[in-house]
Amino acid sequence: MGSAPQYHHDGGRRRAGRWRRAALAALVTGAVVFPLSAAVRPQTPAPAPASLAPLRASTLDRVYAANRANAAEAARMAAAHHDRDRAATDRRLASPERHVLRFDGRGPGLVTEVLGDLARADRIAVLVPGSDTSLDTYGRFRATAVALHRQLTGQAPAGTRTAVVAWLGYETPGTVSTTVTTTGRAEQAAPRLRALVADLRAVAGPGPRIALLCHSYGSVVCGRSAAGLAVDDIALVGSPGTGADSAAGLRTRARVWAARGADDWVEHVPHVSADLFGTTAGFGTDPVSAAFGARVFAAGDVGHSEYFSPGSTSLTNLARIVLGETEAVTHD
């Protein structure tokens, strides 16, 4: 249930993907009963996160600078540890043109990055990723944010200012693990997502519209965070469920949207929820079903990692949701 976007459509890959979908779904579901573990990544040293001023429009530049300096130090430590890939990722985050709200280079890593002028934005989109997203795969997640930001820039009415927040603010589960089939990581992430929205309001004020765009396991995070959250729209794409039985069960004033691509294997994940060995496995009602009650929109024939592909129906509709152009959103 990962979030890395792919920007090409290959007929052979899609055909192969169709027969893989059921197998992948079975593997994810089976991870509850027959847990598999990926190889443990050696820990690369990194400094503790920078000490930051409270987020306000007036402190934003100082926060960005502090996080760039912290990423630069993390890059030096990773290089000394002979972790070239991590060092390269950290160096890119330390570049002067990057706007990083939060950074923690320790372990799998946490990053919150802004594209656009957050303090002056009229429309803000927050991307919430799914499984297997970390500093080691951050480039692919950021590409999702870049694609959305470009779409918003081109699609927004004249004078409308937009910003995109790529929020890798929690330790995502591994696709092949027990954690991906339970709400545990989402429950840990929810207070952090709530804190992010509070920070965005502190910087941008109460006026801008905020939309959460939640992919795959990220929709479980959004489901656990939604109650009372000061956002206007919540869009669930490639979702295995939210942990709630219905959109009303999310207890949010936001409009709740859902979409699934025709080539997304997550369709075959059973939509069940059960107590198993002291935890809750599965995520309940299918968000694109009539029983859930979300506003279902068209995603086209995209696969699980392609909802933000340039030119896709899904990206166009997601941008319309962010921009508040609800009447223009197309449906299947």
C-alpha atoms as a PDB file:
ATOM      1  CA  MET A   1       0.000   0.000   0.000  1.00  0.00           C
ATOM      2  CA  GLY A   2       2.882   2.305  -0.841  1.00  0.00           C
ATOM      3  CA  SER A   3       2.770   5.780  -2.279  1.00  0.00           C
ATOM      4  CA  ALA A   4       5.521   6.081  -4.848  1.00  0.00           C
ATOM      5  CA  PRO A   5       4.162   7.546  -8.093  1.00  0.00           C
ATOM      6  CA  GLN A   6       5.000   6.236 -11.534  1.00  0.00           C
ATOM      7  CA  TYR A   7       4.568   8.459 -14.558  1.00  0.00           C
ATOM      8  CA  HIS A   8       4.384   6.011 -17.441  1.00  0.00           C
ATOM      9  CA  HIS A   9       1.721   3.676 -18.741  1.00  0.00           C
ATOM     10  CA  ASP A  10       2.943   0.456 -20.261  1.00  0.00           C
ATOM     11  CA  GLY A  11       0.337  -1.944 -21.607  1.00  0.00           C
ATOM     12  CA  GLY A  12       2.395  -4.993 -20.758  1.00  0.00           C
ATOM     13  CA  ARG A  13       2.954  -3.790 -17.223  1.00  0.00           C
ATOM     14  CA  ARG A  14      -0.771  -3.204 -16.740  1.00  0.00           C
ATOM     15  CA  ARG A  15      -1.670  -6.641 -18.106  1.00  0.00           C
ATOM     16  CA  ALA A  16       0.881  -8.254 -15.820  1.00  0.00           C
ATOM     17  CA  GLY A  17      -0.458  -6.099 -13.010  1.00  0.00           C
ATOM     18  CA  ARG A  18      -3.952  -7.563 -13.382  1.00  0.00           C
ATOM     19  CA  TRP A  19      -2.882 -11.076 -12.491  1.00  0.00           C
ATOM     20  CA  ARG A  20      -0.584  -9.766  -9.756  1.00  0.00           C
ATOM     21  CA  ARG A  21      -3.306  -7.769  -8.044  1.00  0.00           C
ATOM     22  CA  ALA A  22      -5.052 -10.712  -6.408  1.00  0.00           C
ATOM     23  CA  ALA A  23      -1.719 -12.215  -5.362  1.00  0.00           C
ATOM     24  CA  LEU A  24      -0.550  -8.944  -3.849  1.00  0.00           C
ATOM     25  CA  ALA A  25      -3.816  -8.461  -2.022  1.00  0.00           C
ATOM     26  CA  ALA A  26      -3.599 -11.974  -0.621  1.00  0.00           C
ATOM     27  CA  LEU A  27      -0.020 -11.334   0.472  1.00  0.00           C
ATOM     28  CA  VAL A  28      -0.952  -8.136   2.285  1.00  0.00           C
ATOM     29  CA  THR A  29      -3.926  -9.777   3.947  1.00  0.00           C
ATOM     30  CA  GLY A  30      -1.946 -12.886   4.804  1.00  0.00           C
ATOM     31  CA  ALA A  31       0.693 -10.829   6.547  1.00  0.00           C
ATOM     32  CA  VAL A  32      -1.605 -10.758   9.600  1.00  0.00           C
ATOM     33  CA  VAL A  33      -1.423 -14.505  10.017  1.00  0.00           C
ATOM     34  CA  PHE A  34       1.944 -15.259   8.420  1.00  0.00           C
ATOM     35  CA  PRO A  35       4.092 -12.212   9.160  1.00  0.00           C
ATOM     36  CA  LEU A  36       7.098 -11.642   6.935  1.00  0.00           C
ATOM     37  CA  SER A  37       9.871  -9.171   7.695  1.00  0.00           C
ATOM     38  CA  ALA A  38      12.072  -7.257   5.330  1.00  0.00           C
ATOM     39  CA  ALA A  39      15.752  -7.075   6.087  1.00  0.00           C
ATOM     40  CA  VAL A  40      16.486  -4.554   8.801  1.00  0.00           C
ATOM     41  CA  ARG A  41      18.245  -1.511   7.388  1.00  0.00           C
ATOM     42  CA  PRO A  42      21.471  -0.621   9.195  1.00  0.00           C
ATOM     43  CA  GLN A  43      20.923   2.518  11.242  1.00  0.00           C
ATOM     44  CA  THR A  44      22.659   5.574   9.822  1.00  0.00           C
ATOM     45  CA  PRO A  45      23.556   8.180  12.461  1.00  0.00           C
ATOM     46  CA  ALA A  46      21.913  11.591  12.285  1.00  0.00           C
ATOM     47  CA  PRO A  47      21.557  14.577  14.622  1.00  0.00           C
ATOM     48  CA  ALA A  48      18.504  15.183  16.759  1.00  0.00           C
ATOM     49  CA  PRO A  49      15.934  17.429  15.058  1.00  0.00           C
ATOM     50  CA  ALA A  50      16.633  21.164  15.131  1.00  0.00           C
ATOM     51  CA  SER A  51      15.165  23.262  17.911  1.00  0.00           C
ATOM     52  CA  LEU A  52      12.518  25.350  16.176  1.00  0.00           C
ATOM     53  CA  ALA A  53      10.617  28.510  16.939  1.00  0.00           C
ATOM     54  CA  PRO A  54       6.810  28.210  17.129  1.00  0.00           C
ATOM     55  CA  LEU A  55       5.499  28.180  13.585  1.00  0.00           C
ATOM     56  CA  ARG A  56       4.124  31.507  12.427  1.00  0.00           C
ATOM     57  CA  ALA A  57       4.349  33.354   9.141  1.00  0.00           C
ATOM     58  CA  SER A  58       7.021  35.554  10.738  1.00  0.00           C
ATOM     59  CA  THR A  59       9.171  32.558  11.783  1.00  0.00           C
ATOM     60  CA  LEU A  60       8.809  30.489   8.635  1.00  0.00           C
ATOM     61  CA  ASP A  61      12.130  31.478   7.043  1.00  0.00           C
ATOM     62  CA  ARG A  62      14.004  30.751  10.277  1.00  0.00           C
ATOM     63  CA  VAL A  63      12.354  27.328  10.523  1.00  0.00           C
ATOM     64  CA  TYR A  64      13.289  26.519   6.931  1.00  0.00           C
ATOM     65  CA  ALA A  65      16.895  27.594   7.544  1.00  0.00           C
ATOM     66  CA  ALA A  66      17.201  25.560  10.750  1.00  0.00           C
ATOM     67  CA  ASN A  67      15.951  22.411   9.051  1.00  0.00           C
ATOM     68  CA  ARG A  68      18.249  22.894   6.062  1.00  0.00           C
ATOM     69  CA  ALA A  69      21.202  23.194   8.458  1.00  0.00           C
ATOM     70  CA  ASN A  70      20.082  20.053  10.274  1.00  0.00           C
ATOM     71  CA  ALA A  71      19.767  18.153   6.984  1.00  0.00           C
ATOM     72  CA  ALA A  72      23.260  19.313   5.984  1.00  0.00           C
ATOM     73  CA  GLU A  73      24.669  17.934   9.236  1.00  0.00           C
ATOM     74  CA  ALA A  74      22.752  14.694   8.708  1.00  0.00           C
ATOM     75  CA  ALA A  75      24.299  14.454   5.231  1.00  0.00           C
ATOM     76  CA  ARG A  76      27.812  14.815   6.684  1.00  0.00           C
ATOM     77  CA  MET A  77      27.142  12.125   9.274  1.00  0.00           C
ATOM     78  CA  ALA A  78      25.652   9.767   6.674  1.00  0.00           C
ATOM     79  CA  ALA A  79      28.630  10.291   4.375  1.00  0.00           C
ATOM     80  CA  ALA A  80      31.017   9.541   7.228  1.00  0.00           C
ATOM     81  CA  HIS A  81      29.010   6.358   7.820  1.00  0.00           C
ATOM     82  CA  HIS A  82      29.443   5.485   4.104  1.00  0.00           C
ATOM     83  CA  ASP A  83      25.713   5.671   3.429  1.00  0.00           C
ATOM     84  CA  ARG A  84      25.893   7.446   0.087  1.00  0.00           C
ATOM     85  CA  ASP A  85      22.200   7.230  -0.727  1.00  0.00           C
ATOM     86  CA  ARG A  86      21.071   8.721   2.577  1.00  0.00           C
ATOM     87  CA  ALA A  87      23.761  11.389   2.364  1.00  0.00           C
ATOM     88  CA  ALA A  88      22.550  12.372  -1.109  1.00  0.00           C
ATOM     89  CA  THR A  89      18.929  12.598   0.066  1.00  0.00           C
ATOM     90  CA  ASP A  90      19.911  14.733   3.051  1.00  0.00           C
ATOM     91  CA  ARG A  91      22.036  17.037   0.864  1.00  0.00           C
ATOM     92  CA  ARG A  92      19.111  17.624  -1.471  1.00  0.00           C
ATOM     93  CA  LEU A  93      16.912  18.573   1.486  1.00  0.00           C
ATOM     94  CA  ALA A  94      19.626  21.003   2.617  1.00  0.00           C
ATOM     95  CA  SER A  95      19.541  22.883  -0.708  1.00  0.00           C
ATOM     96  CA  PRO A  96      18.685  26.602  -0.362  1.00  0.00           C
ATOM     97  CA  GLU A  97      15.577  26.275  -2.529  1.00  0.00           C
ATOM     98  CA  ARG A  98      13.978  23.576  -0.339  1.00  0.00           C
ATOM     99  CA  HIS A  99      11.353  24.570   2.246  1.00  0.00           C
ATOM    100  CA  VAL A 100      11.358  21.962   5.014  1.00  0.00           C
ATOM    101  CA  LEU A 101       8.982  22.462   7.948  1.00  0.00           C
ATOM    102  CA  ARG A 102      10.157  19.401   9.870  1.00  0.00           C
ATOM    103  CA  PHE A 103      13.138  17.096   9.476  1.00  0.00           C
ATOM    104  CA  ASP A 104      14.394  14.115  11.438  1.00  0.00           C
ATOM    105  CA  GLY A 105      17.163  12.143   9.739  1.00  0.00           C
ATOM    106  CA  ARG A 106      17.271   9.390  12.342  1.00  0.00           C
ATOM    107  CA  GLY A 107      16.103   5.870  11.534  1.00  0.00           C
ATOM    108  CA  PRO A 108      13.708   5.707   8.561  1.00  0.00           C
ATOM    109  CA  GLY A 109      13.444   9.493   8.722  1.00  0.00           C
ATOM    110  CA  LEU A 110      10.643  12.069   8.823  1.00  0.00           C
ATOM    111  CA  VAL A 111      10.203  15.049   6.492  1.00  0.00           C
ATOM    112  CA  THR A 112       7.547  17.698   6.020  1.00  0.00           C
ATOM    113  CA  GLU A 113       8.248  19.809   2.943  1.00  0.00           C
ATOM    114  CA  VAL A 114       6.375  22.741   1.419  1.00  0.00           C
ATOM    115  CA  LEU A 115       6.059  23.549  -2.266  1.00  0.00           C
ATOM    116  CA  GLY A 116       4.764  27.063  -2.834  1.00  0.00           C
ATOM    117  CA  ASP A 117       4.259  30.078  -0.578  1.00  0.00           C
ATOM    118  CA  LEU A 118       2.596  28.643   2.498  1.00  0.00           C
ATOM    119  CA  ALA A 119       2.089  31.954   4.299  1.00  0.00           C
ATOM    120  CA  ARG A 120       0.160  33.482   1.372  1.00  0.00           C
ATOM    121  CA  ALA A 121      -1.649  30.439   0.016  1.00  0.00           C
ATOM    122  CA  ASP A 122      -5.392  30.443  -0.596  1.00  0.00           C
ATOM    123  CA  ARG A 123      -5.525  26.667  -1.157  1.00  0.00           C
ATOM    124  CA  ILE A 124      -3.326  24.149   0.677  1.00  0.00           C
ATOM    125  CA  ALA A 125      -3.065  20.445  -0.133  1.00  0.00           C
ATOM    126  CA  VAL A 126      -1.527  18.014   2.357  1.00  0.00           C
ATOM    127  CA  LEU A 127      -0.308  14.708   0.913  1.00  0.00           C
ATOM    128  CA  VAL A 128      -0.474  11.786   3.346  1.00  0.00           C
ATOM    129  CA  PRO A 129       1.523   8.786   2.080  1.00  0.00           C
ATOM    130  CA  GLY A 130       1.021   5.082   2.450  1.00  0.00           C
ATOM    131  CA  SER A 131       3.365   2.243   3.318  1.00  0.00           C
ATOM    132  CA  ASP A 132       7.056   1.899   2.485  1.00  0.00           C
ATOM    133  CA  THR A 133       7.617   5.672   2.444  1.00  0.00           C
ATOM    134  CA  SER A 134      10.763   6.862   4.214  1.00  0.00           C
ATOM    135  CA  LEU A 135      13.813   9.016   3.589  1.00  0.00           C
ATOM    136  CA  ASP A 136      15.107   6.204   1.397  1.00  0.00           C
ATOM    137  CA  THR A 137      12.090   6.507  -0.929  1.00  0.00           C
ATOM    138  CA  TYR A 138      11.380  10.192  -0.320  1.00  0.00           C
ATOM    139  CA  GLY A 139      12.335  11.263  -3.841  1.00  0.00           C
ATOM    140  CA  ARG A 140       9.405   9.311  -5.256  1.00  0.00           C
ATOM    141  CA  PHE A 141       6.981  10.718  -2.705  1.00  0.00           C
ATOM    142  CA  ARG A 142       8.206  14.254  -3.396  1.00  0.00           C
ATOM    143  CA  ALA A 143       7.637  13.682  -7.117  1.00  0.00           C
ATOM    144  CA  THR A 144       3.970  13.203  -6.225  1.00  0.00           C
ATOM    145  CA  ALA A 145       3.917  16.596  -4.521  1.00  0.00           C
ATOM    146  CA  VAL A 146       5.702  18.229  -7.467  1.00  0.00           C
ATOM    147  CA  ALA A 147       3.176  16.773  -9.923  1.00  0.00           C
ATOM    148  CA  LEU A 148       0.264  18.050  -7.851  1.00  0.00           C
ATOM    149  CA  HIS A 149       1.823  21.492  -7.395  1.00  0.00           C
ATOM    150  CA  ARG A 150       2.348  21.849 -11.139  1.00  0.00           C
ATOM    151  CA  GLN A 151      -1.231  20.759 -11.773  1.00  0.00           C
ATOM    152  CA  LEU A 152      -2.579  23.261  -9.263  1.00  0.00           C
ATOM    153  CA  THR A 153      -0.433  26.058 -10.675  1.00  0.00           C
ATOM    154  CA  GLY A 154      -1.735  25.419 -14.168  1.00  0.00           C
ATOM    155  CA  GLN A 155      -5.343  24.784 -13.162  1.00  0.00           C
ATOM    156  CA  ALA A 156      -5.923  27.491 -10.531  1.00  0.00           C
ATOM    157  CA  PRO A 157      -7.928  30.567 -11.485  1.00  0.00           C
ATOM    158  CA  ALA A 158      -5.930  33.757 -11.901  1.00  0.00           C
ATOM    159  CA  GLY A 159      -4.967  35.201  -8.544  1.00  0.00           C
ATOM    160  CA  THR A 160      -5.429  31.944  -6.583  1.00  0.00           C
ATOM    161  CA  ARG A 161      -2.264  31.001  -4.694  1.00  0.00           C
ATOM    162  CA  THR A 162      -1.587  27.370  -3.863  1.00  0.00           C
ATOM    163  CA  ALA A 163       0.796  25.348  -1.703  1.00  0.00           C
ATOM    164  CA  VAL A 164       1.406  21.625  -1.355  1.00  0.00           C
ATOM    165  CA  VAL A 165       2.700  20.016   1.836  1.00  0.00           C
ATOM    166  CA  ALA A 166       4.408  16.637   1.447  1.00  0.00           C
ATOM    167  CA  TRP A 167       3.904  15.160   4.901  1.00  0.00           C
ATOM    168  CA  LEU A 168       6.118  12.223   5.739  1.00  0.00           C
ATOM    169  CA  GLY A 169       5.354  12.839   9.382  1.00  0.00           C
ATOM    170  CA  TYR A 170       4.970   9.288  10.651  1.00  0.00           C
ATOM    171  CA  GLU A 171       6.754   5.966  10.427  1.00  0.00           C
ATOM    172  CA  THR A 172       4.865   4.217   7.670  1.00  0.00           C
ATOM    173  CA  PRO A 173       4.294   0.463   7.816  1.00  0.00           C
ATOM    174  CA  GLY A 174       6.052  -1.956   5.504  1.00  0.00           C
ATOM    175  CA  THR A 175       3.855  -3.376   2.769  1.00  0.00           C
ATOM    176  CA  VAL A 176       4.817  -6.926   3.759  1.00  0.00           C
ATOM    177  CA  SER A 177       4.317  -6.762   7.510  1.00  0.00           C
ATOM    178  CA  THR A 178       1.665  -7.126  10.153  1.00  0.00           C
ATOM    179  CA  THR A 179       1.590  -3.354  10.722  1.00  0.00           C
ATOM    180  CA  VAL A 180       0.107  -2.650   7.283  1.00  0.00           C
ATOM    181  CA  THR A 181      -3.068  -4.541   8.116  1.00  0.00           C
ATOM    182  CA  THR A 182      -3.828  -2.857  11.451  1.00  0.00           C
ATOM    183  CA  THR A 183      -4.636   0.674  12.563  1.00  0.00           C
ATOM    184  CA  GLY A 184      -1.703   0.856  14.997  1.00  0.00           C
ATOM    185  CA  ARG A 185       0.629   3.074  12.938  1.00  0.00           C
ATOM    186  CA  ALA A 186      -2.307   5.279  11.958  1.00  0.00           C
ATOM    187  CA  GLU A 187      -3.274   5.811  15.590  1.00  0.00           C
ATOM    188  CA  GLN A 188       0.316   6.827  16.364  1.00  0.00           C
ATOM    189  CA  ALA A 189       0.323   9.172  13.366  1.00  0.00           C
ATOM    190  CA  ALA A 190      -3.002  10.891  14.029  1.00  0.00           C
ATOM    191  CA  PRO A 191      -1.810  13.348  16.723  1.00  0.00           C
ATOM    192  CA  ARG A 192       1.056  14.369  14.431  1.00  0.00           C
ATOM    193  CA  LEU A 193      -1.251  15.047  11.496  1.00  0.00           C
ATOM    194  CA  ARG A 194      -3.517  17.051  13.764  1.00  0.00           C
ATOM    195  CA  ALA A 195      -0.499  19.059  14.940  1.00  0.00           C
ATOM    196  CA  LEU A 196       0.495  19.725  11.342  1.00  0.00           C
ATOM    197  CA  VAL A 197      -2.930  21.133  10.490  1.00  0.00           C
ATOM    198  CA  ALA A 198      -2.736  23.349  13.586  1.00  0.00           C
ATOM    199  CA  ASP A 199       0.695  24.568  12.410  1.00  0.00           C
ATOM    200  CA  LEU A 200      -0.661  25.319   8.941  1.00  0.00           C
ATOM    201  CA  ARG A 201      -3.476  27.353  10.447  1.00  0.00           C
ATOM    202  CA  ALA A 202      -0.962  29.199  12.640  1.00  0.00           C
ATOM    203  CA  VAL A 203       1.082  30.137   9.565  1.00  0.00           C
ATOM    204  CA  ALA A 204      -1.619  30.761   6.968  1.00  0.00           C
ATOM    205  CA  GLY A 205      -4.524  31.795   9.174  1.00  0.00           C
ATOM    206  CA  PRO A 206      -8.127  30.547   9.187  1.00  0.00           C
ATOM    207  CA  GLY A 207      -8.914  31.700   5.647  1.00  0.00           C
ATOM    208  CA  PRO A 208      -7.220  29.194   3.305  1.00  0.00           C
ATOM    209  CA  ARG A 209      -8.971  25.979   2.340  1.00  0.00           C
ATOM    210  CA  ILE A 210      -7.036  22.865   3.377  1.00  0.00           C
ATOM    211  CA  ALA A 211      -7.490  19.491   1.686  1.00  0.00           C
ATOM    212  CA  LEU A 212      -6.018  16.196   2.856  1.00  0.00           C
ATOM    213  CA  LEU A 213      -5.127  13.879  -0.030  1.00  0.00           C
ATOM    214  CA  CYS A 214      -4.659  10.460   1.493  1.00  0.00           C
ATOM    215  CA  HIS A 215      -3.160   7.559  -0.434  1.00  0.00           C
ATOM    216  CA  SER A 216      -3.471   3.895   0.470  1.00  0.00           C
ATOM    217  CA  TYR A 217      -2.558   3.339   4.163  1.00  0.00           C
ATOM    218  CA  GLY A 218      -2.457   7.128   4.429  1.00  0.00           C
ATOM    219  CA  SER A 219      -6.255   7.020   4.244  1.00  0.00           C
ATOM    220  CA  VAL A 220      -6.244   5.058   7.496  1.00  0.00           C
ATOM    221  CA  VAL A 221      -4.147   7.847   9.019  1.00  0.00           C
ATOM    222  CA  CYS A 222      -6.617  10.440   7.738  1.00  0.00           C
ATOM    223  CA  GLY A 223      -9.498   8.376   9.069  1.00  0.00           C
ATOM    224  CA  ARG A 224      -7.977   8.309  12.534  1.00  0.00           C
ATOM    225  CA  SER A 225      -7.263  12.073  12.399  1.00  0.00           C
ATOM    226  CA  ALA A 226     -10.470  13.377  10.845  1.00  0.00           C
ATOM    227  CA  ALA A 227     -12.768  13.992  13.809  1.00  0.00           C
ATOM    228  CA  GLY A 228     -13.077  17.728  14.338  1.00  0.00           C
ATOM    229  CA  LEU A 229     -10.048  18.514  12.178  1.00  0.00           C
ATOM    230  CA  ALA A 230     -10.040  22.017  10.653  1.00  0.00           C
ATOM    231  CA  VAL A 231      -9.876  20.909   7.020  1.00  0.00           C
ATOM    232  CA  ASP A 232     -12.344  21.394   4.175  1.00  0.00           C
ATOM    233  CA  ASP A 233     -11.882  18.241   2.097  1.00  0.00           C
ATOM    234  CA  ILE A 234     -10.542  14.732   2.636  1.00  0.00           C
ATOM    235  CA  ALA A 235      -9.836  12.713  -0.509  1.00  0.00           C
ATOM    236  CA  LEU A 236      -9.103   8.990  -0.223  1.00  0.00           C
ATOM    237  CA  VAL A 237      -7.363   7.334  -3.180  1.00  0.00           C
ATOM    238  CA  GLY A 238      -6.362   3.679  -3.459  1.00  0.00           C
ATOM    239  CA  SER A 239      -7.804   3.206   0.004  1.00  0.00           C
ATOM    240  CA  PRO A 240      -8.112  -0.174   1.763  1.00  0.00           C
ATOM    241  CA  GLY A 241     -10.552   1.506   4.164  1.00  0.00           C
ATOM    242  CA  THR A 242     -10.360   4.099   6.902  1.00  0.00           C
ATOM    243  CA  GLY A 243     -11.174   2.108  10.000  1.00  0.00           C
ATOM    244  CA  ALA A 244     -14.654   3.688   9.992  1.00  0.00           C
ATOM    245  CA  ASP A 245     -17.866   2.090   8.750  1.00  0.00           C
ATOM    246  CA  SER A 246     -18.967   5.217   6.880  1.00  0.00           C
ATOM    247  CA  ALA A 247     -17.994   8.761   5.976  1.00  0.00           C
ATOM    248  CA  ALA A 248     -20.302   9.940   8.760  1.00  0.00           C
ATOM    249  CA  GLY A 249     -18.317   7.763  11.155  1.00  0.00           C
ATOM    250  CA  LEU A 250     -15.250   9.924  10.525  1.00  0.00           C
ATOM    251  CA  ARG A 251     -17.035  12.696  12.435  1.00  0.00           C
ATOM    252  CA  THR A 252     -15.724  15.468  10.229  1.00  0.00           C
ATOM    253  CA  ARG A 253     -17.299  18.579   8.757  1.00  0.00           C
ATOM    254  CA  ALA A 254     -15.047  18.155   5.704  1.00  0.00           C
ATOM    255  CA  ARG A 255     -16.361  16.819   2.421  1.00  0.00           C
ATOM    256  CA  VAL A 256     -15.178  13.219   2.086  1.00  0.00           C
ATOM    257  CA  TRP A 257     -14.175  12.021  -1.385  1.00  0.00           C
ATOM    258  CA  ALA A 258     -13.004   8.621  -2.606  1.00  0.00           C
ATOM    259  CA  ALA A 259     -11.669   7.141  -5.840  1.00  0.00           C
ATOM    260  CA  ARG A 260     -10.067   3.955  -7.077  1.00  0.00           C
ATOM    261  CA  GLY A 261      -8.334   3.415 -10.389  1.00  0.00           C
ATOM    262  CA  ALA A 262      -9.509   0.620 -12.659  1.00  0.00           C
ATOM    263  CA  ASP A 263      -6.066  -1.003 -12.465  1.00  0.00           C
ATOM    264  CA  ASP A 264      -5.571  -0.718  -8.686  1.00  0.00           C
ATOM    265  CA  TRP A 265      -4.967  -4.083  -7.005  1.00  0.00           C
ATOM    266  CA  VAL A 266      -6.256  -2.755  -3.671  1.00  0.00           C
ATOM    267  CA  GLU A 267      -9.752  -3.492  -5.014  1.00  0.00           C
ATOM    268  CA  HIS A 268      -9.117  -7.111  -4.068  1.00  0.00           C
ATOM    269  CA  VAL A 269      -8.222  -6.445  -0.436  1.00  0.00           C
ATOM    270  CA  PRO A 270     -11.099  -7.752   1.720  1.00  0.00           C
ATOM    271  CA  HIS A 271     -12.985  -4.924   3.419  1.00  0.00           C
ATOM    272  CA  VAL A 272     -13.347  -6.432   6.834  1.00  0.00           C
ATOM    273  CA  SER A 273     -12.429  -5.483  10.373  1.00  0.00           C
ATOM    274  CA  ALA A 274     -11.791  -7.944  13.166  1.00  0.00           C
ATOM    275  CA  ASP A 275     -10.086  -8.189  16.523  1.00  0.00           C
ATOM    276  CA  LEU A 276      -7.084 -10.459  16.211  1.00  0.00           C
ATOM    277  CA  PHE A 277      -4.474 -11.182  18.883  1.00  0.00           C
ATOM    278  CA  GLY A 278      -5.307  -8.003  20.788  1.00  0.00           C
ATOM    279  CA  THR A 279      -5.346  -5.639  17.800  1.00  0.00           C
ATOM    280  CA  THR A 280      -7.789  -4.645  15.061  1.00  0.00           C
ATOM    281  CA  ALA A 281      -6.995  -6.094  11.655  1.00  0.00           C
ATOM    282  CA  GLY A 282      -8.560  -4.709   8.492  1.00  0.00           C
ATOM    283  CA  PHE A 283     -10.125  -1.332   7.814  1.00  0.00           C
ATOM    284  CA  GLY A 284     -13.841  -1.887   7.324  1.00  0.00           C
ATOM    285  CA  THR A 285     -16.152  -0.549   4.633  1.00  0.00           C
ATOM    286  CA  ASP A 286     -14.845   0.061   1.128  1.00  0.00           C
ATOM    287  CA  PRO A 287     -14.607   3.879   0.744  1.00  0.00           C
ATOM    288  CA  VAL A 288     -15.844   3.792  -2.872  1.00  0.00           C
ATOM    289  CA  SER A 289     -18.929   1.741  -1.976  1.00  0.00           C
ATOM    290  CA  ALA A 290     -22.383   3.280  -1.674  1.00  0.00           C
ATOM    291  CA  ALA A 291     -22.514   2.002   1.907  1.00  0.00           C
ATOM    292  CA  PHE A 292     -19.583   4.238   2.921  1.00  0.00           C
ATOM    293  CA  GLY A 293     -21.234   7.386   1.600  1.00  0.00           C
ATOM    294  CA  ALA A 294     -18.249   9.344   0.256  1.00  0.00           C
ATOM    295  CA  ARG A 295     -18.391  11.481  -2.877  1.00  0.00           C
ATOM    296  CA  VAL A 296     -16.939   9.014  -5.378  1.00  0.00           C
ATOM    297  CA  PHE A 297     -14.995  10.631  -8.221  1.00  0.00           C
ATOM    298  CA  ALA A 298     -13.398   9.310 -11.393  1.00  0.00           C
ATOM    299  CA  ALA A 299      -9.768   8.160 -11.343  1.00  0.00           C
ATOM    300  CA  GLY A 300      -9.512   6.557 -14.791  1.00  0.00           C
ATOM    301  CA  ASP A 301      -7.455   3.432 -15.367  1.00  0.00           C
ATOM    302  CA  VAL A 302      -4.556   4.257 -13.040  1.00  0.00           C
ATOM    303  CA  GLY A 303      -2.822   1.640 -10.917  1.00  0.00           C
ATOM    304  CA  HIS A 304      -2.133   1.826  -7.201  1.00  0.00           C
ATOM    305  CA  SER A 305       0.896   4.124  -7.505  1.00  0.00           C
ATOM    306  CA  GLU A 306      -0.347   6.320 -10.361  1.00  0.00           C
ATOM    307  CA  TYR A 307      -3.014   8.610  -8.907  1.00  0.00           C
ATOM    308  CA  PHE A 308      -0.752  11.644  -9.309  1.00  0.00           C
ATOM    309  CA  SER A 309       0.459  10.862 -12.818  1.00  0.00           C
ATOM    310  CA  PRO A 310       0.491  14.005 -15.008  1.00  0.00           C
ATOM    311  CA  GLY A 311      -2.396  14.041 -17.449  1.00  0.00           C
ATOM    312  CA  SER A 312      -4.428  11.504 -15.493  1.00  0.00           C
ATOM    313  CA  THR A 313      -8.107  11.883 -14.691  1.00  0.00           C
ATOM    314  CA  SER A 314      -7.325  11.302 -11.028  1.00  0.00           C
ATOM    315  CA  LEU A 315      -4.804  14.159 -10.782  1.00  0.00           C
ATOM    316  CA  THR A 316      -7.126  16.556 -12.598  1.00  0.00           C
ATOM    317  CA  ASN A 317      -9.963  15.732 -10.208  1.00  0.00           C
ATOM    318  CA  LEU A 318      -7.740  15.921  -7.129  1.00  0.00           C
ATOM    319  CA  ALA A 319      -6.662  19.413  -8.191  1.00  0.00           C
ATOM    320  CA  ARG A 320     -10.315  20.400  -8.617  1.00  0.00           C
ATOM    321  CA  ILE A 321     -11.038  19.192  -5.089  1.00  0.00           C
ATOM    322  CA  VAL A 322      -8.130  21.187  -3.669  1.00  0.00           C
ATOM    323  CA  LEU A 323      -9.237  24.301  -5.573  1.00  0.00           C
ATOM    324  CA  GLY A 324     -12.829  23.962  -4.360  1.00  0.00           C
ATOM    325  CA  GLU A 325     -14.129  23.407  -7.900  1.00  0.00           C
ATOM    326  CA  THR A 326     -16.504  20.714  -6.699  1.00  0.00           C
ATOM    327  CA  GLU A 327     -18.978  21.064  -9.560  1.00  0.00           C
ATOM    328  CA  ALA A 328     -16.206  20.347 -12.066  1.00  0.00           C
ATOM    329  CA  VAL A 329     -15.171  17.056 -10.440  1.00  0.00           C
ATOM    330  CA  THR A 330     -16.060  14.179 -12.763  1.00  0.00           C
ATOM    331  CA  HIS A 331     -17.599  10.897 -11.696  1.00  0.00           C
ATOM    332  CA  ASP A 332     -17.572   7.371 -13.113  1.00  0.00           C
END
